[in-house]
Amino acid sequence: MLCKGNLEILKELKRRIHIHHIDYDKKNTFQ
């Protein structure tokens, strides 16, 4: 079972991954 701490970690990971994908898309767009 997920405790509150794990949920916060998952949210943070998803946020970082989302930002990473945006940066990746920008790099691909500007190449």
PDB file of N, CA and C in Angstrom:
ATOM      1  N   MET A   1       0.833  -1.210   0.000  1.00  0.00           N
ATOM      2  CA  MET A   1       0.000   0.000   0.000  1.00  0.00           C
ATOM      3  C   MET A   1       0.864   1.256   0.000  1.00  0.00           C
ATOM      4  N   LEU A   2       0.387   2.261  -0.689  1.00  0.00           N
ATOM      5  CA  LEU A   2       1.135   3.510  -0.755  1.00  0.00           C
ATOM      6  C   LEU A   2       0.842   4.369   0.462  1.00  0.00           C
ATOM      7  N   CYS A   3       1.897   4.802   1.121  1.00  0.00           N
ATOM      8  CA  CYS A   3       1.702   5.757   2.201  1.00  0.00           C
ATOM      9  C   CYS A   3       1.759   7.170   1.614  1.00  0.00           C
ATOM     10  N   LYS A   4       1.436   8.144   2.422  1.00  0.00           N
ATOM     11  CA  LYS A   4       1.399   9.523   1.917  1.00  0.00           C
ATOM     12  C   LYS A   4       2.754   9.950   1.366  1.00  0.00           C
ATOM     13  N   GLY A   5       3.817   9.543   2.024  1.00  0.00           N
ATOM     14  CA  GLY A   5       5.152   9.900   1.548  1.00  0.00           C
ATOM     15  C   GLY A   5       5.418   9.379   0.145  1.00  0.00           C
ATOM     16  N   ASN A   6       5.025   8.129  -0.114  1.00  0.00           N
ATOM     17  CA  ASN A   6       5.227   7.560  -1.447  1.00  0.00           C
ATOM     18  C   ASN A   6       4.426   8.314  -2.495  1.00  0.00           C
ATOM     19  N   LEU A   7       3.203   8.720  -2.154  1.00  0.00           N
ATOM     20  CA  LEU A   7       2.389   9.479  -3.104  1.00  0.00           C
ATOM     21  C   LEU A   7       3.068  10.798  -3.448  1.00  0.00           C
ATOM     22  N   GLU A   8       3.640  11.464  -2.456  1.00  0.00           N
ATOM     23  CA  GLU A   8       4.331  12.732  -2.714  1.00  0.00           C
ATOM     24  C   GLU A   8       5.534  12.499  -3.623  1.00  0.00           C
ATOM     25  N   ILE A   9       6.265  11.412  -3.384  1.00  0.00           N
ATOM     26  CA  ILE A   9       7.426  11.087  -4.224  1.00  0.00           C
ATOM     27  C   ILE A   9       6.975  10.817  -5.656  1.00  0.00           C
ATOM     28  N   LEU A  10       5.896  10.064  -5.811  1.00  0.00           N
ATOM     29  CA  LEU A  10       5.389   9.778  -7.156  1.00  0.00           C
ATOM     30  C   LEU A  10       4.972  11.056  -7.870  1.00  0.00           C
ATOM     31  N   LYS A  11       4.317  11.964  -7.150  1.00  0.00           N
ATOM     32  CA  LYS A  11       3.910  13.236  -7.764  1.00  0.00           C
ATOM     33  C   LYS A  11       5.134  14.007  -8.232  1.00  0.00           C
ATOM     34  N   GLU A  12       6.163  14.040  -7.393  1.00  0.00           N
ATOM     35  CA  GLU A  12       7.391  14.768  -7.741  1.00  0.00           C
ATOM     36  C   GLU A  12       8.063  14.137  -8.952  1.00  0.00           C
ATOM     37  N   LEU A  13       8.122  12.799  -8.988  1.00  0.00           N
ATOM     38  CA  LEU A  13       8.726  12.123 -10.140  1.00  0.00           C
ATOM     39  C   LEU A  13       7.954  12.427 -11.418  1.00  0.00           C
ATOM     40  N   LYS A  14       6.627  12.362 -11.337  1.00  0.00           N
ATOM     41  CA  LYS A  14       5.808  12.649 -12.521  1.00  0.00           C
ATOM     42  C   LYS A  14       6.034  14.074 -12.997  1.00  0.00           C
ATOM     43  N   ARG A  15       6.145  15.014 -12.039  1.00  0.00           N
ATOM     44  CA  ARG A  15       6.362  16.408 -12.402  1.00  0.00           C
ATOM     45  C   ARG A  15       7.712  16.564 -13.101  1.00  0.00           C
ATOM     46  N   ARG A  16       8.744  15.922 -12.561  1.00  0.00           N
ATOM     47  CA  ARG A  16      10.080  16.019 -13.173  1.00  0.00           C
ATOM     48  C   ARG A  16      10.088  15.391 -14.552  1.00  0.00           C
ATOM     49  N   ILE A  17       9.439  14.245 -14.691  1.00  0.00           N
ATOM     50  CA  ILE A  17       9.382  13.568 -15.992  1.00  0.00           C
ATOM     51  C   ILE A  17       8.653  14.455 -16.993  1.00  0.00           C
ATOM     52  N   HIS A  18       7.572  15.081 -16.554  1.00  0.00           N
ATOM     53  CA  HIS A  18       6.800  15.959 -17.437  1.00  0.00           C
ATOM     54  C   HIS A  18       7.668  17.121 -17.916  1.00  0.00           C
ATOM     55  N   ILE A  19       8.402  17.748 -16.995  1.00  0.00           N
ATOM     56  CA  ILE A  19       9.287  18.853 -17.362  1.00  0.00           C
ATOM     57  C   ILE A  19      10.362  18.352 -18.323  1.00  0.00           C
ATOM     58  N   HIS A  20      10.911  17.175 -18.062  1.00  0.00           N
ATOM     59  CA  HIS A  20      11.945  16.595 -18.923  1.00  0.00           C
ATOM     60  C   HIS A  20      11.399  16.397 -20.332  1.00  0.00           C
ATOM     61  N   HIS A  21      10.173  15.902 -20.449  1.00  0.00           N
ATOM     62  CA  HIS A  21       9.580  15.672 -21.769  1.00  0.00           C
ATOM     63  C   HIS A  21       9.371  16.982 -22.508  1.00  0.00           C
ATOM     64  N   ILE A  22       8.976  18.034 -21.794  1.00  0.00           N
ATOM     65  CA  ILE A  22       8.791  19.344 -22.434  1.00  0.00           C
ATOM     66  C   ILE A  22      10.139  19.826 -22.978  1.00  0.00           C
ATOM     67  N   ASP A  23      11.192  19.714 -22.173  1.00  0.00           N
ATOM     68  CA  ASP A  23      12.527  20.129 -22.620  1.00  0.00           C
ATOM     69  C   ASP A  23      12.968  19.300 -23.821  1.00  0.00           C
ATOM     70  N   TYR A  24      12.689  18.011 -23.784  1.00  0.00           N
ATOM     71  CA  TYR A  24      13.069  17.110 -24.870  1.00  0.00           C
ATOM     72  C   TYR A  24      12.343  17.499 -26.157  1.00  0.00           C
ATOM     73  N   ASP A  25      11.054  17.799 -26.036  1.00  0.00           N
ATOM     74  CA  ASP A  25      10.275  18.222 -27.208  1.00  0.00           C
ATOM     75  C   ASP A  25      10.831  19.521 -27.778  1.00  0.00           C
ATOM     76  N   LYS A  26      11.209  20.459 -26.910  1.00  0.00           N
ATOM     77  CA  LYS A  26      11.772  21.725 -27.386  1.00  0.00           C
ATOM     78  C   LYS A  26      13.064  21.482 -28.151  1.00  0.00           C
ATOM     79  N   LYS A  27      13.927  20.636 -27.616  1.00  0.00           N
ATOM     80  CA  LYS A  27      15.196  20.333 -28.293  1.00  0.00           C
ATOM     81  C   LYS A  27      14.933  19.738 -29.672  1.00  0.00           C
ATOM     82  N   ASN A  28      13.997  18.804 -29.739  1.00  0.00           N
ATOM     83  CA  ASN A  28      13.688  18.177 -31.022  1.00  0.00           C
ATOM     84  C   ASN A  28      13.084  19.176 -31.996  1.00  0.00           C
ATOM     85  N   THR A  29      12.271  20.084 -31.482  1.00  0.00           N
ATOM     86  CA  THR A  29      11.620  21.073 -32.340  1.00  0.00           C
ATOM     87  C   THR A  29      12.646  22.024 -32.940  1.00  0.00           C
ATOM     88  N   PHE A  30      13.642  22.409 -32.145  1.00  0.00           N
ATOM     89  CA  PHE A  30      14.592  23.420 -32.597  1.00  0.00           C
ATOM     90  C   PHE A  30      15.783  22.848 -33.354  1.00  0.00           C
ATOM     91  N   GLN A  31      15.842  21.546 -33.490  1.00  0.00           N
ATOM     92  CA  GLN A  31      16.972  20.956 -34.217  1.00  0.00           C
ATOM     93  C   GLN A  31      16.834  21.192 -35.712  1.00  0.00           C
TER      94      GLN A  31
END
